[in-house]
N, C-alpha and C. Protein backbone atom coordinates (compact mmCIF):
# COMPACT_ATOMS: atom_id res chain seq x y z
N MET A 1 73.14 9.45 -56.88
CA MET A 1 72.04 9.20 -56.80
C MET A 1 71.22 9.93 -55.65
N ARG A 2 70.09 10.48 -56.36
CA ARG A 2 69.56 11.70 -55.45
C ARG A 2 68.95 10.83 -53.70
N ASN A 3 69.25 11.68 -52.98
CA ASN A 3 68.66 11.34 -51.48
C ASN A 3 67.60 11.55 -51.17
N TYR A 4 66.88 10.83 -50.60
CA TYR A 4 65.56 10.95 -50.22
C TYR A 4 65.35 10.80 -48.54
N THR A 5 64.83 11.71 -47.66
CA THR A 5 64.61 11.66 -46.10
C THR A 5 63.58 12.29 -45.84
N ILE A 6 63.35 11.67 -44.60
CA ILE A 6 62.29 12.41 -43.73
C ILE A 6 62.97 13.06 -42.64
N ASP A 7 62.55 14.33 -42.33
CA ASP A 7 63.06 15.18 -41.01
C ASP A 7 62.78 14.68 -39.98
N GLU A 8 63.77 14.66 -39.02
CA GLU A 8 63.52 13.88 -37.61
C GLU A 8 62.43 14.20 -36.86
N GLU A 9 61.94 15.72 -37.20
CA GLU A 9 60.75 16.35 -36.25
C GLU A 9 59.68 15.43 -36.95
N ILE A 10 59.40 15.46 -38.23
CA ILE A 10 58.39 14.63 -38.68
C ILE A 10 58.36 13.20 -38.02
N ARG A 11 59.37 12.56 -38.36
CA ARG A 11 59.70 11.06 -37.67
C ARG A 11 59.10 10.95 -36.12
N ALA A 12 59.40 12.20 -35.28
CA ALA A 12 59.24 12.29 -33.91
C ALA A 12 57.73 12.45 -33.74
N LYS A 13 56.80 13.19 -34.58
CA LYS A 13 55.49 13.59 -34.46
C LYS A 13 54.68 12.58 -35.11
N THR A 14 55.09 11.95 -36.23
CA THR A 14 54.33 10.84 -36.74
C THR A 14 55.10 9.89 -36.90
N PRO A 15 55.49 8.97 -36.03
CA PRO A 15 56.40 7.44 -36.23
C PRO A 15 55.83 6.63 -37.17
N GLY A 16 56.70 5.96 -38.07
CA GLY A 16 55.95 5.33 -38.75
C GLY A 16 55.64 5.44 -40.32
N LEU A 17 55.51 6.96 -40.29
CA LEU A 17 55.14 7.43 -41.72
C LEU A 17 56.30 7.33 -42.79
N LYS A 18 55.88 6.62 -44.04
CA LYS A 18 56.86 6.62 -44.80
C LYS A 18 56.60 7.14 -46.18
N LEU A 19 57.55 7.22 -47.14
CA LEU A 19 57.31 7.47 -48.34
C LEU A 19 58.00 6.45 -49.32
N GLY A 20 57.03 6.09 -50.50
CA GLY A 20 57.37 5.31 -51.33
C GLY A 20 57.55 6.04 -52.71
N ILE A 21 59.06 5.78 -53.21
CA ILE A 21 59.47 6.52 -54.03
C ILE A 21 59.78 5.66 -55.56
N LEU A 22 59.54 6.31 -56.61
CA LEU A 22 59.79 5.57 -57.75
C LEU A 22 60.30 6.64 -58.83
N HIS A 23 61.38 6.21 -59.63
CA HIS A 23 61.77 7.02 -60.67
C HIS A 23 61.63 6.52 -62.05
N TYR A 24 60.75 7.24 -62.90
CA TYR A 24 60.41 6.90 -64.18
C TYR A 24 61.42 7.44 -65.44
N ASP A 25 61.72 6.67 -66.30
CA ASP A 25 62.66 7.33 -67.29
C ASP A 25 62.10 7.07 -68.80
N ASN A 26 62.34 8.11 -69.61
CA ASN A 26 61.87 7.88 -71.08
C ASN A 26 60.46 7.41 -71.07
N VAL A 27 59.34 8.14 -70.27
CA VAL A 27 58.24 7.77 -70.52
C VAL A 27 57.49 8.43 -71.56
N ALA A 28 56.26 8.24 -72.22
CA ALA A 28 55.65 8.91 -73.34
C ALA A 28 54.12 9.11 -72.94
N LEU A 29 54.10 10.38 -72.34
CA LEU A 29 52.69 10.77 -71.69
C LEU A 29 51.91 11.15 -72.91
N SER A 30 50.82 11.17 -72.67
CA SER A 30 49.89 11.26 -73.94
C SER A 30 48.43 11.61 -73.39
N PRO A 31 47.47 12.17 -74.08
CA PRO A 31 46.02 12.12 -73.71
C PRO A 31 45.46 10.97 -73.34
N THR A 32 44.77 10.95 -72.61
CA THR A 32 44.21 9.72 -71.69
C THR A 32 43.23 9.03 -72.75
N PRO A 33 43.68 7.52 -73.11
CA PRO A 33 42.57 6.91 -74.19
C PRO A 33 41.47 6.77 -73.61
N VAL A 34 40.44 6.25 -74.47
CA VAL A 34 39.12 5.94 -74.16
C VAL A 34 38.95 4.81 -73.36
N MET A 35 40.01 3.73 -73.64
CA MET A 35 39.90 2.38 -72.86
C MET A 35 40.27 2.59 -71.42
N LEU A 36 41.43 3.57 -71.43
CA LEU A 36 41.86 3.95 -69.85
C LEU A 36 40.59 4.45 -68.72
N LYS A 37 39.95 5.62 -69.92
CA LYS A 37 39.12 6.29 -69.29
C LYS A 37 37.94 5.30 -68.67
N GLY A 38 37.67 4.37 -69.51
CA GLY A 38 36.51 3.49 -69.30
C GLY A 38 36.85 2.67 -68.14
N ARG A 39 38.03 2.33 -67.75
CA ARG A 39 38.33 1.50 -66.69
C ARG A 39 38.33 2.37 -65.14
N ILE A 40 39.05 3.65 -65.53
CA ILE A 40 38.94 4.49 -64.35
C ILE A 40 37.41 4.75 -64.27
N ASN A 41 36.42 5.11 -65.09
CA ASN A 41 35.29 5.35 -64.87
C ASN A 41 34.50 4.30 -63.98
N LEU A 42 34.99 2.90 -64.58
CA LEU A 42 34.29 2.05 -63.87
C LEU A 42 34.73 1.81 -62.37
N PHE A 43 35.70 1.94 -62.04
CA PHE A 43 36.23 2.05 -60.76
C PHE A 43 35.63 3.30 -59.98
N LEU A 44 35.39 4.43 -60.50
CA LEU A 44 34.58 5.40 -59.81
C LEU A 44 33.18 5.06 -59.50
N GLU A 45 32.67 4.44 -60.59
CA GLU A 45 31.23 3.87 -60.39
C GLU A 45 31.01 3.13 -59.25
N ASN A 46 32.02 2.05 -59.11
CA ASN A 46 32.13 1.20 -57.88
C ASN A 46 32.29 1.77 -56.94
N MET A 47 33.13 2.67 -56.72
CA MET A 47 33.45 3.42 -55.24
C MET A 47 32.08 4.30 -54.88
N ARG A 48 31.57 4.82 -56.03
CA ARG A 48 30.50 5.50 -55.46
C ARG A 48 29.02 4.77 -54.99
N TYR A 49 29.23 3.46 -55.67
CA TYR A 49 28.32 2.43 -55.08
C TYR A 49 28.51 1.84 -53.80
N ASP A 50 29.58 1.60 -53.40
CA ASP A 50 30.35 1.19 -52.14
C ASP A 50 30.15 2.13 -51.27
N TYR A 51 29.98 3.28 -51.22
CA TYR A 51 29.93 4.27 -50.53
C TYR A 51 28.80 5.02 -50.30
N SER A 52 27.53 4.60 -50.90
CA SER A 52 26.53 5.40 -51.22
C SER A 52 25.91 5.59 -50.00
N GLU A 53 26.06 4.97 -49.05
CA GLU A 53 25.38 5.20 -47.71
C GLU A 53 26.48 5.65 -46.55
N LYS A 54 27.64 5.95 -47.10
CA LYS A 54 28.77 6.21 -46.28
C LYS A 54 29.47 7.41 -46.24
N SER A 55 30.43 8.25 -45.59
CA SER A 55 30.83 9.28 -45.92
C SER A 55 32.52 8.98 -46.46
N ALA A 56 33.08 10.16 -47.08
CA ALA A 56 34.65 9.79 -47.28
C ALA A 56 35.52 9.64 -46.12
N SER A 57 34.85 10.03 -44.88
CA SER A 57 35.99 9.48 -43.83
C SER A 57 35.95 8.11 -43.60
N ASP A 58 34.85 7.11 -44.50
CA ASP A 58 34.58 5.73 -44.10
C ASP A 58 35.82 4.88 -45.07
N VAL A 59 36.37 5.90 -45.94
CA VAL A 59 37.27 5.34 -47.13
C VAL A 59 38.83 5.27 -46.35
N PRO A 60 38.92 3.89 -46.31
CA PRO A 60 40.51 3.55 -45.78
C PRO A 60 41.47 4.80 -45.83
N GLY A 61 42.17 4.99 -45.00
CA GLY A 61 43.46 5.96 -44.98
C GLY A 61 42.88 7.49 -45.06
N ILE A 62 41.65 7.79 -45.14
CA ILE A 62 41.14 9.40 -45.32
C ILE A 62 41.33 9.82 -43.78
N ALA A 63 40.82 8.90 -42.57
CA ALA A 63 40.70 9.41 -41.16
C ALA A 63 42.16 9.42 -40.60
N GLU A 64 43.02 8.22 -41.28
CA GLU A 64 44.33 8.18 -40.92
C GLU A 64 45.30 9.41 -41.38
N TRP A 65 45.00 9.98 -42.66
CA TRP A 65 45.78 11.17 -43.15
C TRP A 65 45.35 12.29 -42.14
N ARG A 66 43.96 12.39 -42.27
CA ARG A 66 43.57 13.44 -41.23
C ARG A 66 44.06 13.60 -39.98
N ARG A 67 44.26 12.59 -39.14
CA ARG A 67 44.88 12.46 -37.72
C ARG A 67 46.64 12.87 -38.10
N ILE A 68 47.35 12.65 -39.25
CA ILE A 68 48.61 13.09 -39.23
C ILE A 68 48.67 14.51 -39.24
N PHE A 69 47.72 15.12 -40.36
CA PHE A 69 47.55 16.49 -40.46
C PHE A 69 47.43 17.20 -39.10
N LYS A 70 46.66 16.74 -38.06
CA LYS A 70 46.48 17.36 -36.99
C LYS A 70 47.53 17.06 -35.82
N ALA A 71 48.25 15.85 -36.32
CA ALA A 71 49.46 15.73 -35.36
C ALA A 71 50.58 16.65 -35.45
N LEU A 72 50.74 17.29 -36.69
CA LEU A 72 51.40 17.96 -37.28
C LEU A 72 51.12 19.84 -37.25
N GLY A 73 50.08 19.71 -36.57
CA GLY A 73 49.31 21.34 -36.42
C GLY A 73 48.80 21.79 -37.81
N MET A 74 48.24 20.87 -38.64
CA MET A 74 47.71 21.44 -39.93
C MET A 74 46.38 20.91 -39.72
N ASP A 75 45.15 21.85 -40.09
CA ASP A 75 43.78 22.01 -40.17
C ASP A 75 43.53 20.98 -41.49
N PRO A 76 43.19 19.99 -41.23
CA PRO A 76 42.72 18.87 -42.36
C PRO A 76 41.18 19.30 -43.13
N SER A 77 40.83 20.53 -42.51
CA SER A 77 39.41 20.84 -43.16
C SER A 77 39.87 21.84 -43.96
N ARG A 78 40.91 22.50 -43.94
CA ARG A 78 41.31 23.76 -44.64
C ARG A 78 42.26 23.33 -45.70
N TYR A 79 43.21 22.40 -45.26
CA TYR A 79 44.31 21.81 -46.19
C TYR A 79 44.14 20.35 -46.29
N ARG A 80 43.09 19.79 -47.13
CA ARG A 80 42.75 18.63 -47.31
C ARG A 80 43.67 17.64 -48.08
N PRO A 81 44.12 16.47 -47.13
CA PRO A 81 44.99 15.46 -48.00
C PRO A 81 44.25 15.48 -49.54
N SER A 82 45.22 15.26 -50.44
CA SER A 82 44.99 15.23 -51.80
C SER A 82 44.00 14.12 -52.15
N SER A 83 44.38 12.78 -51.24
CA SER A 83 43.55 11.86 -51.52
C SER A 83 41.84 11.72 -51.08
N GLU A 84 42.08 12.64 -50.20
CA GLU A 84 40.63 12.64 -49.71
C GLU A 84 39.71 13.81 -50.68
N ALA A 85 40.61 14.71 -51.04
CA ALA A 85 39.95 15.92 -51.91
C ALA A 85 39.39 14.95 -53.22
N LEU A 86 40.34 14.02 -53.87
CA LEU A 86 39.88 13.06 -54.74
C LEU A 86 38.38 12.17 -54.59
N VAL A 87 38.64 11.63 -53.36
CA VAL A 87 37.51 10.88 -52.72
C VAL A 87 36.29 11.78 -52.58
N ARG A 88 36.35 12.80 -52.22
CA ARG A 88 34.91 13.52 -51.97
C ARG A 88 34.57 14.08 -53.13
N ARG A 89 35.41 14.20 -54.34
CA ARG A 89 34.81 14.61 -55.60
C ARG A 89 34.28 13.48 -56.23
N VAL A 90 34.63 12.24 -56.28
CA VAL A 90 33.91 10.93 -56.54
C VAL A 90 32.82 10.65 -56.05
N LEU A 91 32.67 10.90 -54.70
CA LEU A 91 31.35 10.56 -53.71
C LEU A 91 30.37 11.69 -54.09
N GLN A 92 30.80 12.89 -54.29
CA GLN A 92 29.77 13.89 -54.68
C GLN A 92 29.42 13.82 -56.42
N ASN A 93 29.98 12.94 -56.90
CA ASN A 93 29.52 12.88 -58.64
C ASN A 93 30.06 13.89 -59.23
N LYS A 94 31.27 14.50 -58.96
CA LYS A 94 31.78 15.56 -59.65
C LYS A 94 32.66 15.03 -60.70
N PRO A 95 33.01 15.50 -61.89
CA PRO A 95 33.68 15.09 -62.87
C PRO A 95 35.10 14.74 -62.40
N PHE A 96 35.64 13.54 -63.24
CA PHE A 96 37.13 13.43 -62.92
C PHE A 96 37.84 14.46 -63.88
N HIS A 97 38.66 15.11 -63.27
CA HIS A 97 39.61 16.01 -64.23
C HIS A 97 40.74 15.20 -64.85
N TRP A 98 40.47 15.18 -66.22
CA TRP A 98 41.41 14.41 -67.18
C TRP A 98 42.23 15.38 -67.73
N ILE A 99 43.83 14.99 -67.50
CA ILE A 99 44.91 15.82 -67.60
C ILE A 99 45.80 15.24 -68.83
N HIS A 100 46.35 14.02 -68.40
CA HIS A 100 46.99 13.23 -69.48
C HIS A 100 47.15 11.92 -68.61
N THR A 101 47.83 11.09 -69.34
CA THR A 101 48.12 9.72 -68.77
C THR A 101 49.01 9.57 -67.58
N GLY A 102 49.81 10.57 -67.55
CA GLY A 102 50.49 10.46 -66.14
C GLY A 102 49.74 10.88 -65.08
N VAL A 103 49.07 12.22 -64.89
CA VAL A 103 48.35 12.76 -63.94
C VAL A 103 47.10 11.76 -63.67
N ASP A 104 46.47 11.41 -64.76
CA ASP A 104 45.24 10.56 -64.41
C ASP A 104 45.66 9.33 -63.73
N VAL A 105 46.71 8.41 -64.27
CA VAL A 105 46.87 7.27 -63.82
C VAL A 105 47.42 7.64 -62.21
N ASN A 106 48.52 8.67 -61.78
CA ASN A 106 48.57 8.97 -60.53
C ASN A 106 47.47 9.20 -59.57
N ASN A 107 46.19 9.94 -60.20
CA ASN A 107 45.07 10.08 -59.40
C ASN A 107 44.33 8.90 -59.21
N PHE A 108 44.41 8.16 -60.20
CA PHE A 108 43.55 6.61 -60.21
C PHE A 108 43.94 5.94 -59.02
N LEU A 109 45.60 5.79 -58.85
CA LEU A 109 46.25 5.05 -58.02
C LEU A 109 46.45 5.45 -56.80
N SER A 110 45.96 6.94 -56.45
CA SER A 110 45.61 7.40 -55.28
C SER A 110 44.46 7.22 -54.83
N LEU A 111 43.29 7.23 -55.29
CA LEU A 111 42.11 6.60 -55.12
C LEU A 111 41.97 5.14 -54.45
N GLN A 112 42.59 4.39 -55.46
CA GLN A 112 42.76 3.03 -55.30
C GLN A 112 43.47 2.67 -54.04
N PHE A 113 44.38 3.20 -53.79
CA PHE A 113 45.09 2.82 -52.35
C PHE A 113 44.79 3.80 -51.15
N GLY A 114 44.08 4.53 -51.31
CA GLY A 114 43.81 5.65 -50.51
C GLY A 114 44.87 6.42 -49.72
N LEU A 115 46.02 6.94 -50.51
CA LEU A 115 47.20 7.60 -50.30
C LEU A 115 47.34 8.81 -50.90
N PRO A 116 47.83 9.97 -50.29
CA PRO A 116 48.12 11.16 -51.48
C PRO A 116 49.30 10.52 -52.00
N ALA A 117 49.48 11.06 -53.41
CA ALA A 117 50.39 10.59 -54.41
C ALA A 117 50.83 11.84 -55.11
N GLY A 118 52.14 12.14 -55.42
CA GLY A 118 52.42 13.26 -56.22
C GLY A 118 53.37 12.91 -57.38
N LEU A 119 53.15 13.33 -58.51
CA LEU A 119 54.09 13.18 -59.62
C LEU A 119 54.82 14.43 -60.09
N TYR A 120 55.78 14.39 -60.18
CA TYR A 120 56.99 15.48 -60.43
C TYR A 120 57.87 15.23 -61.46
N ASN A 121 58.02 16.63 -62.10
CA ASN A 121 59.10 16.55 -63.33
C ASN A 121 60.50 16.77 -62.58
N ARG A 122 61.34 15.42 -62.67
CA ARG A 122 62.70 15.09 -61.97
C ARG A 122 63.42 16.18 -62.72
N ASP A 123 63.31 16.53 -63.84
CA ASP A 123 64.22 17.79 -64.31
C ASP A 123 64.29 18.87 -63.92
N ARG A 124 63.24 19.42 -62.84
CA ARG A 124 62.84 20.50 -62.37
C ARG A 124 63.33 20.55 -60.91
N ILE A 125 63.79 19.54 -60.49
CA ILE A 125 64.24 19.32 -58.97
C ILE A 125 65.67 19.37 -58.85
N GLU A 126 66.00 20.06 -57.86
CA GLU A 126 67.54 20.24 -57.53
C GLU A 126 68.03 19.58 -56.29
N GLY A 127 69.01 18.85 -56.28
CA GLY A 127 69.41 18.14 -55.36
C GLY A 127 68.71 16.99 -54.55
N ASP A 128 69.16 16.94 -53.17
CA ASP A 128 68.42 15.90 -52.58
C ASP A 128 66.83 16.47 -52.01
N VAL A 129 66.05 15.69 -51.47
CA VAL A 129 64.56 15.72 -51.42
C VAL A 129 64.24 15.21 -49.86
N THR A 130 63.70 16.24 -49.13
CA THR A 130 63.29 16.22 -47.91
C THR A 130 61.95 16.26 -47.76
N LEU A 131 61.52 15.35 -46.78
CA LEU A 131 60.02 15.46 -46.20
C LEU A 131 60.17 16.27 -45.03
N ARG A 132 59.61 17.69 -44.87
CA ARG A 132 59.82 18.31 -43.62
C ARG A 132 58.75 19.46 -43.51
N LEU A 133 58.71 20.17 -42.45
CA LEU A 133 57.69 21.34 -42.21
C LEU A 133 58.07 22.29 -42.84
N GLY A 134 57.29 23.32 -43.66
CA GLY A 134 58.04 24.60 -44.31
C GLY A 134 58.25 25.30 -43.14
N GLN A 135 59.10 26.28 -43.49
CA GLN A 135 59.81 27.47 -42.71
C GLN A 135 58.90 28.46 -43.36
N SER A 136 59.15 29.59 -42.37
CA SER A 136 58.55 30.91 -42.40
C SER A 136 59.06 31.71 -43.69
N GLY A 137 58.22 32.19 -44.52
CA GLY A 137 58.60 32.79 -45.32
C GLY A 137 58.64 32.02 -46.69
N GLU A 138 58.62 30.78 -46.65
CA GLU A 138 58.44 29.75 -47.85
C GLU A 138 57.16 29.71 -48.45
N THR A 139 56.83 29.88 -49.88
CA THR A 139 55.64 29.67 -50.74
C THR A 139 56.08 28.83 -51.93
N TYR A 140 55.23 28.74 -52.41
CA TYR A 140 54.95 28.28 -54.09
C TYR A 140 53.83 28.36 -54.61
N GLU A 141 53.70 28.65 -55.98
CA GLU A 141 52.67 28.57 -56.88
C GLU A 141 52.01 27.19 -56.92
N GLY A 142 50.76 27.15 -56.50
CA GLY A 142 50.22 25.64 -56.46
C GLY A 142 49.36 25.54 -57.87
N LEU A 143 49.29 24.26 -58.06
CA LEU A 143 48.61 23.79 -59.19
C LEU A 143 47.22 24.22 -59.03
N ASN A 144 46.68 24.44 -57.68
CA ASN A 144 45.25 25.16 -57.82
C ASN A 144 45.25 26.66 -58.09
N GLY A 145 46.13 27.33 -58.73
CA GLY A 145 46.38 28.61 -58.75
C GLY A 145 46.41 29.65 -57.75
N ARG A 146 47.03 29.14 -56.49
CA ARG A 146 46.94 29.97 -55.47
C ARG A 146 48.80 30.01 -55.15
N GLU A 147 48.93 31.17 -54.44
CA GLU A 147 50.31 31.10 -53.69
C GLU A 147 50.22 30.25 -52.21
N ILE A 148 50.67 29.46 -52.16
CA ILE A 148 50.72 28.48 -51.15
C ILE A 148 51.70 28.74 -50.14
N SER A 149 51.23 29.19 -48.92
CA SER A 149 52.14 29.60 -47.88
C SER A 149 52.70 27.94 -47.05
N CYS A 150 54.06 27.66 -47.17
CA CYS A 150 54.34 26.39 -46.69
C CYS A 150 54.57 26.46 -45.08
N GLU A 151 54.44 27.60 -44.63
CA GLU A 151 54.82 27.67 -43.01
C GLU A 151 54.29 26.56 -42.27
N GLY A 152 54.65 25.66 -41.26
CA GLY A 152 54.21 24.74 -40.45
C GLY A 152 53.56 23.45 -41.46
N LYS A 153 53.65 23.54 -42.76
CA LYS A 153 53.02 22.77 -43.41
C LYS A 153 53.85 21.51 -43.88
N LEU A 154 53.27 20.25 -44.07
CA LEU A 154 53.99 19.04 -44.42
C LEU A 154 54.26 19.46 -45.96
N VAL A 155 55.85 19.41 -46.35
CA VAL A 155 56.09 19.48 -47.81
C VAL A 155 57.22 18.72 -48.08
N LEU A 156 57.33 18.48 -49.61
CA LEU A 156 58.63 18.02 -49.87
C LEU A 156 59.50 19.33 -50.58
N ALA A 157 60.55 18.95 -50.22
CA ALA A 157 61.66 20.22 -50.56
C ALA A 157 62.91 19.85 -51.02
N ASP A 158 63.47 20.51 -51.85
CA ASP A 158 64.88 20.20 -52.38
C ASP A 158 65.69 21.62 -52.23
N THR A 159 66.76 21.44 -52.83
CA THR A 159 67.73 22.78 -52.46
C THR A 159 67.16 24.08 -52.76
N GLN A 160 65.92 24.15 -53.92
CA GLN A 160 65.41 25.71 -54.09
C GLN A 160 64.24 25.79 -53.01
N GLY A 161 63.90 24.86 -52.12
CA GLY A 161 62.59 24.98 -51.43
C GLY A 161 61.73 24.00 -51.70
N PRO A 162 60.35 24.15 -50.86
CA PRO A 162 59.28 23.27 -51.03
C PRO A 162 58.69 23.25 -52.65
N PHE A 163 58.39 21.97 -53.05
CA PHE A 163 57.75 21.92 -54.23
C PHE A 163 56.66 21.13 -54.21
N GLY A 164 56.14 20.34 -53.32
CA GLY A 164 55.22 19.44 -53.43
C GLY A 164 54.79 19.14 -51.84
N SER A 165 53.62 18.45 -51.49
CA SER A 165 52.99 18.30 -50.29
C SER A 165 51.93 17.27 -50.55
N PRO A 166 51.63 16.94 -49.66
CA PRO A 166 50.35 15.73 -49.60
C PRO A 166 48.82 16.36 -49.90
N PHE A 167 49.02 17.78 -50.07
CA PHE A 167 47.45 18.47 -50.06
C PHE A 167 47.55 19.15 -51.85
N VAL A 168 48.79 19.71 -52.13
CA VAL A 168 48.65 20.47 -53.26
C VAL A 168 50.25 20.70 -53.96
N ASP A 169 50.45 20.52 -55.12
CA ASP A 169 51.75 20.52 -55.49
C ASP A 169 52.21 21.61 -56.34
N SER A 170 53.56 22.12 -56.70
CA SER A 170 53.78 23.19 -57.18
C SER A 170 53.67 23.37 -58.89
N VAL A 171 53.72 24.42 -59.23
CA VAL A 171 53.72 24.77 -60.66
C VAL A 171 55.07 24.19 -61.21
N ARG A 172 56.27 24.38 -60.43
CA ARG A 172 57.48 24.36 -60.81
C ARG A 172 57.86 22.91 -61.30
N THR A 173 57.25 22.05 -60.58
CA THR A 173 57.83 20.72 -60.78
C THR A 173 56.53 19.76 -61.50
N SER A 174 55.49 20.53 -61.74
CA SER A 174 54.62 20.01 -62.49
C SER A 174 54.71 19.16 -63.90
N VAL A 175 53.99 18.18 -64.10
CA VAL A 175 54.54 17.19 -65.28
C VAL A 175 53.41 17.76 -66.43
N THR A 176 54.07 18.16 -67.58
CA THR A 176 53.46 18.11 -68.76
C THR A 176 53.53 16.98 -69.77
N GLU A 177 52.91 16.72 -70.57
CA GLU A 177 53.06 15.82 -71.66
C GLU A 177 54.74 15.35 -72.14
N GLU A 178 54.97 16.74 -72.06
CA GLU A 178 56.61 16.58 -72.67
C GLU A 178 57.53 16.06 -71.81
N ALA A 179 57.45 16.19 -70.41
CA ALA A 179 58.14 15.45 -69.51
C ALA A 179 58.43 13.92 -69.88
N THR A 180 59.71 13.55 -69.71
CA THR A 180 60.25 12.13 -69.84
C THR A 180 60.76 11.51 -68.68
N HIS A 181 61.25 12.39 -67.53
CA HIS A 181 61.87 11.99 -66.21
C HIS A 181 61.14 12.20 -65.11
N LEU A 182 60.70 11.13 -64.40
CA LEU A 182 59.58 11.59 -63.30
C LEU A 182 59.81 11.08 -62.30
N LEU A 183 59.38 11.75 -60.90
CA LEU A 183 59.64 11.20 -59.79
C LEU A 183 58.16 10.93 -59.18
N HIS A 184 57.67 9.81 -58.79
CA HIS A 184 56.66 9.58 -58.25
C HIS A 184 56.49 9.30 -56.79
N VAL A 185 56.01 9.84 -55.86
CA VAL A 185 55.92 9.68 -54.21
C VAL A 185 54.57 9.42 -54.04
N PHE A 186 54.57 8.38 -53.13
CA PHE A 186 53.36 7.94 -52.36
C PHE A 186 53.49 8.20 -50.82
N PHE A 187 52.93 8.95 -50.17
CA PHE A 187 52.80 9.23 -48.69
C PHE A 187 51.92 8.17 -48.13
N ILE A 188 52.91 7.36 -47.34
CA ILE A 188 52.15 6.02 -46.74
C ILE A 188 52.15 6.27 -45.15
N TYR A 189 50.75 6.28 -44.88
CA TYR A 189 50.36 6.69 -43.42
C TYR A 189 50.94 4.97 -42.39
N PRO A 190 51.26 5.20 -41.25
CA PRO A 190 51.87 4.21 -40.50
C PRO A 190 50.91 2.97 -40.39
N GLU A 191 49.43 3.01 -40.62
CA GLU A 191 48.78 1.83 -40.39
C GLU A 191 48.46 1.16 -41.56
N PHE A 192 48.93 1.84 -42.75
CA PHE A 192 48.59 1.14 -43.93
C PHE A 192 49.15 -0.24 -44.03
N ASN A 193 48.00 -1.25 -44.16
CA ASN A 193 48.34 -2.81 -43.85
C ASN A 193 47.57 -3.50 -45.02
N ARG A 194 46.83 -2.66 -46.02
CA ARG A 194 46.16 -3.72 -46.97
C ARG A 194 47.23 -4.48 -47.65
N TRP A 195 48.10 -3.74 -48.05
CA TRP A 195 49.15 -4.19 -48.97
C TRP A 195 50.63 -4.11 -48.18
N THR A 196 51.61 -4.89 -48.59
CA THR A 196 52.92 -4.43 -48.32
C THR A 196 53.27 -3.59 -48.95
N ASP A 197 54.52 -2.76 -48.85
CA ASP A 197 55.06 -1.82 -49.16
C ASP A 197 55.72 -2.06 -50.84
N GLU A 198 55.97 -3.39 -50.87
CA GLU A 198 56.25 -3.78 -52.09
C GLU A 198 55.22 -3.93 -52.90
N GLN A 199 54.26 -4.75 -52.45
CA GLN A 199 53.10 -4.94 -53.29
C GLN A 199 52.40 -3.50 -53.74
N LEU A 200 52.28 -2.51 -52.63
CA LEU A 200 51.99 -1.33 -53.21
C LEU A 200 52.60 -0.85 -54.40
N LEU A 201 53.83 -0.45 -54.15
CA LEU A 201 54.73 0.02 -55.21
C LEU A 201 55.08 -0.67 -56.49
N ARG A 202 55.02 -2.22 -56.52
CA ARG A 202 55.30 -2.82 -57.48
C ARG A 202 54.12 -2.79 -58.56
N SER A 203 52.95 -2.84 -58.00
CA SER A 203 51.66 -2.29 -58.49
C SER A 203 51.70 -1.09 -59.20
N VAL A 204 51.84 -0.04 -58.29
CA VAL A 204 52.25 1.35 -59.08
C VAL A 204 53.12 1.17 -60.38
N LYS A 205 54.35 0.59 -60.01
CA LYS A 205 55.19 0.62 -61.15
C LYS A 205 54.66 -0.21 -62.49
N GLU A 206 53.87 -1.18 -62.36
CA GLU A 206 53.65 -2.03 -63.36
C GLU A 206 52.42 -1.33 -63.97
N MET A 207 51.40 -0.61 -63.44
CA MET A 207 50.46 0.12 -64.16
C MET A 207 50.82 1.48 -64.68
N PHE A 208 51.84 2.06 -64.25
CA PHE A 208 52.36 3.39 -64.68
C PHE A 208 53.10 3.07 -66.01
N THR A 209 54.08 1.98 -65.91
CA THR A 209 54.71 1.97 -67.11
C THR A 209 54.00 1.19 -68.10
N HIS A 210 53.14 0.24 -67.88
CA HIS A 210 52.02 -0.33 -68.82
C HIS A 210 51.42 0.70 -69.78
N VAL A 211 51.20 1.79 -69.00
CA VAL A 211 50.25 2.97 -69.70
C VAL A 211 51.16 3.76 -70.45
N ASN A 212 52.31 3.97 -69.83
CA ASN A 212 53.27 5.41 -70.11
C ASN A 212 54.58 4.83 -70.77
N GLY A 213 54.67 3.32 -70.77
CA GLY A 213 56.11 3.17 -71.14
C GLY A 213 57.48 3.53 -70.37
N GLY A 214 58.42 3.32 -70.73
CA GLY A 214 59.38 3.93 -70.03
C GLY A 214 60.08 2.71 -69.14
N THR A 215 60.90 3.00 -68.02
CA THR A 215 61.66 2.32 -67.32
C THR A 215 61.48 3.00 -65.69
N CYS A 216 61.56 1.93 -64.95
CA CYS A 216 61.34 2.42 -63.43
C CYS A 216 62.40 1.77 -62.57
N GLU A 217 63.43 2.62 -62.12
CA GLU A 217 64.59 1.93 -61.50
C GLU A 217 65.15 3.07 -60.45
N ILE A 218 65.68 2.89 -59.37
CA ILE A 218 66.22 3.87 -58.60
C ILE A 218 67.26 3.20 -57.77
N GLY A 219 68.54 3.49 -58.10
CA GLY A 219 69.66 2.93 -57.19
C GLY A 219 69.79 1.34 -57.31
N GLY A 220 69.31 1.03 -58.82
CA GLY A 220 69.62 -0.25 -59.08
C GLY A 220 68.05 -1.36 -58.55
N GLN A 221 67.28 -0.53 -57.73
CA GLN A 221 66.09 -1.38 -57.32
C GLN A 221 64.94 -0.57 -58.14
N PRO A 222 63.75 -1.18 -58.00
CA PRO A 222 62.48 -0.69 -58.80
C PRO A 222 61.65 0.40 -57.99
N PHE A 223 62.46 0.26 -57.16
CA PHE A 223 61.30 1.27 -55.96
C PHE A 223 62.31 1.70 -54.64
N LEU A 224 61.93 2.44 -54.02
CA LEU A 224 62.53 2.96 -52.55
C LEU A 224 61.39 3.38 -51.72
N VAL A 225 61.63 2.69 -50.44
CA VAL A 225 60.74 2.90 -49.08
C VAL A 225 61.93 3.70 -48.26
N VAL A 226 61.35 5.17 -47.96
CA VAL A 226 61.95 5.69 -47.08
C VAL A 226 61.10 6.15 -45.77
N THR A 227 62.00 5.60 -44.70
CA THR A 227 61.31 5.63 -43.35
C THR A 227 62.21 6.58 -42.37
């Protein structure tokens, strides 16, 4: 079984930070159907209404993740947590980027729980995975079309180097409709208490597999929490 760990430096600077890990197998991704788009759009409309006189920082989880970035020496205004970037798009009434049922459900769940979340092609990941700070000279091609300098930034890394982060993921492990073996990661801030970790990850598992089929199992369990 692949091992997932959080580097000691991260644990010292942000005690209580956790990773929620799910493995999906034999999923069938597809263009997002109209019914699911309708459900997501209704959620977005309700969110805009609820926060019509508030700001993105009032959404649970946004301020907490900005504090984590600052504690690690990252500028959260330059490198926004992905959950905050999604929230800002919603509150600014910008269109939701429809990709396919995998990515769209991931983004919906990220908004619902106020957590950065990443979806990765497990077939493109080599060896064990560590949440750590990027080292000098480490880069990757980001899904935003830019070369991402990883030095001093919070990243997920395998034996080949960084491939993901709570702010933008890499092309190397990106998920296309053809991918069938996926890694789903939720970056859980220490104060997260609206649900237990089990409630969060069971809800994620149920929705993702309901939409995309397949199975969800890691080491004989439906999910893994890394502390």
